[in-house]
Protein backbone atom coordinates (compact mmCIF):
# COMPACT_ATOMS: atom_id res chain seq x y z
CA ARG A 1 -66.38 147.36 -224.37
CA SER A 2 -68.31 147.85 -221.14
CA VAL A 3 -71.56 147.35 -223.04
CA SER A 4 -70.31 143.97 -224.25
CA LEU A 5 -69.31 143.04 -220.69
CA GLU A 6 -72.72 144.13 -219.41
CA HIS A 7 -74.40 142.06 -222.14
CA GLN A 8 -72.31 139.02 -221.17
CA GLN A 9 -73.26 139.51 -217.52
CA ARG A 10 -76.97 139.69 -218.39
CA SER A 11 -76.66 136.63 -220.59
CA LEU A 12 -74.92 134.72 -217.81
CA ASP A 13 -77.54 135.80 -215.26
CA SER A 14 -80.27 134.64 -217.61
CA SER A 15 -78.56 131.29 -218.15
CA LEU A 16 -78.10 130.78 -214.41
CA THR A 17 -81.73 131.67 -213.77
CA HIS A 18 -82.85 129.13 -216.36
CA ALA A 19 -80.53 126.49 -214.88
CA ILE A 20 -81.86 127.10 -211.37
CA MET A 21 -85.45 126.91 -212.57
CA ALA A 22 -84.72 123.68 -214.44
CA ALA A 23 -83.05 122.18 -211.36
CA ARG A 24 -86.01 123.09 -209.17
CA ASN A 25 -88.39 121.59 -211.69
CA MET A 26 -86.33 118.39 -211.86
CA LYS A 27 -86.39 118.19 -208.06
CA LYS A 28 -90.20 118.38 -208.11
CA VAL A 29 -90.47 115.84 -210.92
CA SER A 30 -88.07 113.38 -209.28
CA HIS A 31 -89.91 113.71 -205.96
CA ARG A 32 -93.20 113.03 -207.73
CA MET A 33 -91.68 110.05 -209.57
CA ALA A 34 -90.28 108.61 -206.33
CA HIS A 35 -93.66 109.00 -204.65
CA SER A 36 -95.40 107.40 -207.62
CA LEU A 37 -92.92 104.52 -207.68
CA ALA A 38 -93.29 103.92 -203.94
CA SER A 39 -97.07 104.01 -204.32
CA GLY A 40 -96.88 101.60 -207.25
CA LEU A 41 -94.68 99.19 -205.31
CA HIS A 42 -97.10 99.30 -202.40
CA SER A 43 -100.01 98.55 -204.76
CA THR A 44 -98.08 95.71 -206.37
CA HIS A 45 -97.33 94.21 -202.97
CA PHE A 46 -101.00 94.51 -202.04
CA LEU A 47 -102.11 92.87 -205.28
CA THR A 48 -99.64 89.98 -205.03
CA SER A 49 -100.10 89.24 -201.34
CA PRO A 50 -102.09 86.06 -200.79
CA CYS A 51 -105.67 86.20 -199.59
CA THR A 52 -106.02 84.74 -196.11
CA TYR A 53 -109.78 84.74 -195.71
């Protein structure tokens, strides 16, 4: 019985570790996407702004 409980605890710890790692990765990816989007919008604005020379 205690072995089963210990196994469940290890399994839960493993699942939580994976969830935390996935969340951290998503945070990095979303930050990168936001930066890329902002950069793309800036480039689009630059490309569509009229030439004044």
